[in-house]
C-alpha atoms as a PDB file:
ATOM      1  CA  UNK A   1      88.873 140.337  82.171  1.00  0.00           C
ATOM      2  CA  UNK A   2      87.162 139.241  85.369  1.00  0.00           C
ATOM      3  CA  UNK A   3      88.646 136.093  86.862  1.00  0.00           C
ATOM      4  CA  UNK A   4      86.092 135.324  89.532  1.00  0.00           C
ATOM      5  CA  UNK A   5      83.175 137.051  91.210  1.00  0.00           C
ATOM      6  CA  UNK A   6      83.588 137.959  94.883  1.00  0.00           C
ATOM      7  CA  UNK A   7      87.365 137.818  94.646  1.00  0.00           C
ATOM      8  CA  UNK A   8      90.037 140.317  95.719  1.00  0.00           C
ATOM      9  CA  UNK A   9      93.447 140.239  94.064  1.00  0.00           C
ATOM     10  CA  UNK A  10      96.310 141.731  96.092  1.00  0.00           C
ATOM     11  CA  UNK A  11      99.542 140.865  94.297  1.00  0.00           C
ATOM     12  CA  UNK A  12     100.946 139.645  90.992  1.00  0.00           C
ATOM     13  CA  UNK A  13     104.314 138.213  90.008  1.00  0.00           C
ATOM     14  CA  UNK A  14     105.547 137.368  86.506  1.00  0.00           C
ATOM     15  CA  UNK A  15     108.846 135.624  85.734  1.00  0.00           C
ATOM     16  CA  UNK A  16     108.576 136.502  82.038  1.00  0.00           C
ATOM     17  CA  UNK A  17     106.004 137.947  79.633  1.00  0.00           C
ATOM     18  CA  UNK A  18     103.959 134.734  79.631  1.00  0.00           C
ATOM     19  CA  UNK A  19     104.225 133.069  83.046  1.00  0.00           C
ATOM     20  CA  UNK A  20     102.785 134.608  86.186  1.00  0.00           C
ATOM     21  CA  UNK A  21     100.592 134.247  89.246  1.00  0.00           C
ATOM     22  CA  UNK A  22      97.999 136.337  91.106  1.00  0.00           C
ATOM     23  CA  UNK A  23      97.021 135.887  94.751  1.00  0.00           C
ATOM     24  CA  UNK A  24      94.219 137.158  96.941  1.00  0.00           C
ATOM     25  CA  UNK A  25      91.013 135.901  98.499  1.00  0.00           C
ATOM     26  CA  UNK A  26      87.581 134.766  97.405  1.00  0.00           C
ATOM     27  CA  UNK A  27      84.158 134.517  99.014  1.00  0.00           C
ATOM     28  CA  UNK A  28      82.670 136.118 102.072  1.00  0.00           C
ATOM     29  CA  UNK A  29      84.376 136.295 105.467  1.00  0.00           C
ATOM     30  CA  UNK A  30      86.084 134.072 106.450  1.00  0.00           C
ATOM     31  CA  UNK A  31      87.805 134.267 103.091  1.00  0.00           C
ATOM     32  CA  UNK A  32      89.519 131.506 101.179  1.00  0.00           C
ATOM     33  CA  UNK A  33      92.985 132.029  99.718  1.00  0.00           C
ATOM     34  CA  UNK A  34      93.001 132.415  95.940  1.00  0.00           C
ATOM     35  CA  UNK A  35      95.897 131.514  93.603  1.00  0.00           C
ATOM     36  CA  UNK A  36      95.624 131.747  89.819  1.00  0.00           C
ATOM     37  CA  UNK A  37      98.321 131.377  87.190  1.00  0.00           C
ATOM     38  CA  UNK A  38      98.908 131.915  83.487  1.00  0.00           C
ATOM     39  CA  UNK A  39     101.419 130.616  80.943  1.00  0.00           C
ATOM     40  CA  UNK A  40     100.127 132.684  78.016  1.00  0.00           C
ATOM     41  CA  UNK A  41     100.441 136.257  79.255  1.00  0.00           C
ATOM     42  CA  UNK A  42      97.014 136.319  80.882  1.00  0.00           C
ATOM     43  CA  UNK A  43      94.880 135.173  77.957  1.00  0.00           C
ATOM     44  CA  UNK A  44      93.862 132.207  80.110  1.00  0.00           C
ATOM     45  CA  UNK A  45      94.069 131.731  83.887  1.00  0.00           C
ATOM     46  CA  UNK A  46      94.242 128.462  85.805  1.00  0.00           C
ATOM     47  CA  UNK A  47      92.799 128.463  89.315  1.00  0.00           C
ATOM     48  CA  UNK A  48      94.855 126.392  91.723  1.00  0.00           C
ATOM     49  CA  UNK A  49      93.275 124.729  94.780  1.00  0.00           C
ATOM     50  CA  UNK A  50      92.158 127.344  97.306  1.00  0.00           C
ATOM     51  CA  UNK A  51      92.975 127.438 101.001  1.00  0.00           C
ATOM     52  CA  UNK A  52      90.254 127.660 103.664  1.00  0.00           C
ATOM     53  CA  UNK A  53      90.215 130.704 105.966  1.00  0.00           C
ATOM     54  CA  UNK A  54      93.308 132.381 104.495  1.00  0.00           C
ATOM     55  CA  UNK A  55      93.894 135.672 102.687  1.00  0.00           C
ATOM     56  CA  UNK A  56      96.987 135.827 100.496  1.00  0.00           C
ATOM     57  CA  UNK A  57      98.648 139.247 100.171  1.00  0.00           C
ATOM     58  CA  UNK A  58     102.001 138.631  98.465  1.00  0.00           C
ATOM     59  CA  UNK A  59     103.600 136.280  95.939  1.00  0.00           C
ATOM     60  CA  UNK A  60     107.104 135.797  94.537  1.00  0.00           C
ATOM     61  CA  UNK A  61     108.729 133.162  92.319  1.00  0.00           C
ATOM     62  CA  UNK A  62     112.429 132.638  91.571  1.00  0.00           C
ATOM     63  CA  UNK A  63     111.747 130.458  88.520  1.00  0.00           C
ATOM     64  CA  UNK A  64     108.795 128.609  86.978  1.00  0.00           C
ATOM     65  CA  UNK A  65     108.599 126.079  89.829  1.00  0.00           C
ATOM     66  CA  UNK A  66     109.798 127.618  93.130  1.00  0.00           C
ATOM     67  CA  UNK A  67     107.592 130.266  94.711  1.00  0.00           C
ATOM     68  CA  UNK A  68     106.260 131.616  98.004  1.00  0.00           C
ATOM     69  CA  UNK A  69     103.013 133.250  99.114  1.00  0.00           C
ATOM     70  CA  UNK A  70     102.276 135.163 102.313  1.00  0.00           C
ATOM     71  CA  UNK A  71      99.150 136.391 104.033  1.00  0.00           C
ATOM     72  CA  UNK A  72      97.080 135.726 107.107  1.00  0.00           C
ATOM     73  CA  UNK A  73      95.130 132.842 108.590  1.00  0.00           C
ATOM     74  CA  UNK A  74      91.658 134.150 109.404  1.00  0.00           C
ATOM     75  CA  UNK A  75      90.987 131.400 111.949  1.00  0.00           C
ATOM     76  CA  UNK A  76      94.169 132.268 113.866  1.00  0.00           C
ATOM     77  CA  UNK A  77      93.208 135.925 114.472  1.00  0.00           C
ATOM     78  CA  UNK A  78      95.178 137.048 111.430  1.00  0.00           C
ATOM     79  CA  UNK A  79      98.476 135.327 112.233  1.00  0.00           C
ATOM     80  CA  UNK A  80     100.843 135.528 109.289  1.00  0.00           C
ATOM     81  CA  UNK A  81     101.414 132.487 107.071  1.00  0.00           C
ATOM     82  CA  UNK A  82     104.084 131.528 104.542  1.00  0.00           C
ATOM     83  CA  UNK A  83     103.668 128.774 101.954  1.00  0.00           C
ATOM     84  CA  UNK A  84     106.182 127.388  99.407  1.00  0.00           C
ATOM     85  CA  UNK A  85     105.696 125.513  96.147  1.00  0.00           C
ATOM     86  CA  UNK A  86     108.326 123.547  94.269  1.00  0.00           C
ATOM     87  CA  UNK A  87     106.076 122.539  91.386  1.00  0.00           C
ATOM     88  CA  UNK A  88     104.799 125.787  89.891  1.00  0.00           C
ATOM     89  CA  UNK A  89     101.857 126.297  92.301  1.00  0.00           C
ATOM     90  CA  UNK A  90     100.171 122.912  91.944  1.00  0.00           C
ATOM     91  CA  UNK A  91     100.909 121.996  95.578  1.00  0.00           C
ATOM     92  CA  UNK A  92     101.878 124.166  98.541  1.00  0.00           C
ATOM     93  CA  UNK A  93     103.570 123.419 101.853  1.00  0.00           C
ATOM     94  CA  UNK A  94     103.170 125.640 104.892  1.00  0.00           C
ATOM     95  CA  UNK A  95     106.591 126.842 105.990  1.00  0.00           C
ATOM     96  CA  UNK A  96     105.979 129.106 108.937  1.00  0.00           C
ATOM     97  CA  UNK A  97     103.603 131.401 110.713  1.00  0.00           C
ATOM     98  CA  UNK A  98     104.144 134.684 112.505  1.00  0.00           C
ATOM     99  CA  UNK A  99     102.273 136.672 115.100  1.00  0.00           C
ATOM    100  CA  UNK A 100     101.317 139.388 112.591  1.00  0.00           C
ATOM    101  CA  UNK A 101      99.752 139.306 109.147  1.00  0.00           C
ATOM    102  CA  UNK A 102     102.318 139.258 106.331  1.00  0.00           C
ATOM    103  CA  UNK A 103     101.717 141.600 103.400  1.00  0.00           C
ATOM    104  CA  UNK A 104     104.597 141.108 100.949  1.00  0.00           C
ATOM    105  CA  UNK A 105     107.505 138.797 100.194  1.00  0.00           C
ATOM    106  CA  UNK A 106     110.741 139.031  98.184  1.00  0.00           C
ATOM    107  CA  UNK A 107     113.464 136.555  97.205  1.00  0.00           C
ATOM    108  CA  UNK A 108     116.732 137.451  95.485  1.00  0.00           C
ATOM    109  CA  UNK A 109     118.155 133.930  95.313  1.00  0.00           C
ATOM    110  CA  UNK A 110     116.653 130.521  95.920  1.00  0.00           C
ATOM    111  CA  UNK A 111     117.793 130.658  99.531  1.00  0.00           C
ATOM    112  CA  UNK A 112     117.554 134.302 100.645  1.00  0.00           C
ATOM    113  CA  UNK A 113     114.230 136.058 101.161  1.00  0.00           C
ATOM    114  CA  UNK A 114     112.330 138.575 103.293  1.00  0.00           C
ATOM    115  CA  UNK A 115     108.678 139.029 104.251  1.00  0.00           C
ATOM    116  CA  UNK A 116     107.061 142.119 105.798  1.00  0.00           C
ATOM    117  CA  UNK A 117     103.778 142.837 107.517  1.00  0.00           C
ATOM    118  CA  UNK A 118     101.776 144.461 110.249  1.00  0.00           C
ATOM    119  CA  UNK A 119     103.372 145.924 113.384  1.00  0.00           C
ATOM    120  CA  UNK A 120     106.594 146.692 111.510  1.00  0.00           C
ATOM    121  CA  UNK A 121     107.306 142.971 111.130  1.00  0.00           C
ATOM    122  CA  UNK A 122     110.274 141.866 109.002  1.00  0.00           C
ATOM    123  CA  UNK A 123     111.347 138.222 108.817  1.00  0.00           C
ATOM    124  CA  UNK A 124     114.192 136.719 106.800  1.00  0.00           C
ATOM    125  CA  UNK A 125     115.258 133.293 105.563  1.00  0.00           C
ATOM    126  CA  UNK A 126     118.649 132.123 104.324  1.00  0.00           C
ATOM    127  CA  UNK A 127     117.652 128.473 103.798  1.00  0.00           C
ATOM    128  CA  UNK A 128     114.927 128.628 101.115  1.00  0.00           C
ATOM    129  CA  UNK A 129     112.253 129.312 103.708  1.00  0.00           C
ATOM    130  CA  UNK A 130     112.804 126.300 105.937  1.00  0.00           C
ATOM    131  CA  UNK A 131     113.320 128.749 108.819  1.00  0.00           C
ATOM    132  CA  UNK A 132     112.036 132.333 109.024  1.00  0.00           C
ATOM    133  CA  UNK A 133     113.121 134.687 111.771  1.00  0.00           C
ATOM    134  CA  UNK A 134     113.541 138.301 112.743  1.00  0.00           C
ATOM    135  CA  UNK A 135     116.533 137.290 114.877  1.00  0.00           C
ATOM    136  CA  UNK A 136     119.629 139.142 113.754  1.00  0.00           C
ATOM    137  CA  UNK A 137     117.657 141.826 111.913  1.00  0.00           C
ATOM    138  CA  UNK A 138     118.574 145.136 113.509  1.00  0.00           C
ATOM    139  CA  UNK A 139     115.321 147.150 113.462  1.00  0.00           C
ATOM    140  CA  UNK A 140     115.313 148.451 117.037  1.00  0.00           C
ATOM    141  CA  UNK A 141     114.964 152.214 117.049  1.00  0.00           C
ATOM    142  CA  UNK A 142     114.721 152.242 113.252  1.00  0.00           C
ATOM    143  CA  UNK A 143     111.404 150.679 112.237  1.00  0.00           C
ATOM    144  CA  UNK A 144     108.186 152.141 113.667  1.00  0.00           C
ATOM    145  CA  UNK A 145     106.411 149.039 114.978  1.00  0.00           C
ATOM    146  CA  UNK A 146     103.050 150.829 115.058  1.00  0.00           C
ATOM    147  CA  UNK A 147     102.819 150.778 111.251  1.00  0.00           C
ATOM    148  CA  UNK A 148     102.304 148.101 108.647  1.00  0.00           C
ATOM    149  CA  UNK A 149     105.124 147.451 106.230  1.00  0.00           C
ATOM    150  CA  UNK A 150     103.345 146.794 102.938  1.00  0.00           C
ATOM    151  CA  UNK A 151     106.094 146.181 100.392  1.00  0.00           C
ATOM    152  CA  UNK A 152     109.658 144.868 100.235  1.00  0.00           C
ATOM    153  CA  UNK A 153     112.176 144.796  97.387  1.00  0.00           C
ATOM    154  CA  UNK A 154     115.848 143.853  97.165  1.00  0.00           C
ATOM    155  CA  UNK A 155     118.302 144.170  94.268  1.00  0.00           C
ATOM    156  CA  UNK A 156     120.736 141.690  95.811  1.00  0.00           C
ATOM    157  CA  UNK A 157     121.183 139.973  99.186  1.00  0.00           C
ATOM    158  CA  UNK A 158     122.361 143.223 100.829  1.00  0.00           C
ATOM    159  CA  UNK A 159     120.583 146.238  99.289  1.00  0.00           C
ATOM    160  CA  UNK A 160     116.842 146.560  99.788  1.00  0.00           C
ATOM    161  CA  UNK A 161     113.903 148.720 100.781  1.00  0.00           C
ATOM    162  CA  UNK A 162     110.711 148.285 102.774  1.00  0.00           C
ATOM    163  CA  UNK A 163     107.830 150.767 102.785  1.00  0.00           C
ATOM    164  CA  UNK A 164     104.536 151.111 104.553  1.00  0.00           C
ATOM    165  CA  UNK A 165     101.986 153.246 106.309  1.00  0.00           C
ATOM    166  CA  UNK A 166     102.417 156.981 106.819  1.00  0.00           C
ATOM    167  CA  UNK A 167     104.851 157.150 103.897  1.00  0.00           C
ATOM    168  CA  UNK A 168     107.558 155.310 105.819  1.00  0.00           C
ATOM    169  CA  UNK A 169     110.453 154.009 103.673  1.00  0.00           C
ATOM    170  CA  UNK A 170     113.501 152.218 105.045  1.00  0.00           C
ATOM    171  CA  UNK A 171     116.680 151.130 103.224  1.00  0.00           C
ATOM    172  CA  UNK A 172     119.294 148.567 104.156  1.00  0.00           C
ATOM    173  CA  UNK A 173     122.786 148.154 102.729  1.00  0.00           C
ATOM    174  CA  UNK A 174     123.587 144.999 104.728  1.00  0.00           C
ATOM    175  CA  UNK A 175     120.496 142.807 104.292  1.00  0.00           C
ATOM    176  CA  UNK A 176     119.045 144.186 107.512  1.00  0.00           C
ATOM    177  CA  UNK A 177     121.592 142.561 109.795  1.00  0.00           C
END
């Protein structure tokens, strides 16, 4: 099933067999951020309002209402962006931006999450995304900052993995602190 011509889908997240979201971009450069969702396992897709000059690369939800998307703002020379929804993707609020494009995001609880991106970037929140920071994350001498970290996953607030370019995989047993 084709959702939309001239669109690129980069990530998907389902909270159960019926309810899920896809994110990416649509159009010609500069791209517009694309968010679509389903409540019937993908038989039908609802397109949510798009964002001008943004490419979305990652999506995560902790339930049917609270979710986050990450990507880059094309008009800000690919600075990373993070948005949050509290109403199932109908409206989004910008939470933060970073100096590098963000490529993936993960939450294990409503309050604790991580995002990863270009230049070995890892940021973390412990307050539902109100504040994002790399402060306190001990990556010096561990993470190669010349690579892009493309995926992040955690099984609880301590144990997780990030992976990226050149086959690099890193594990933490303390949440990265």
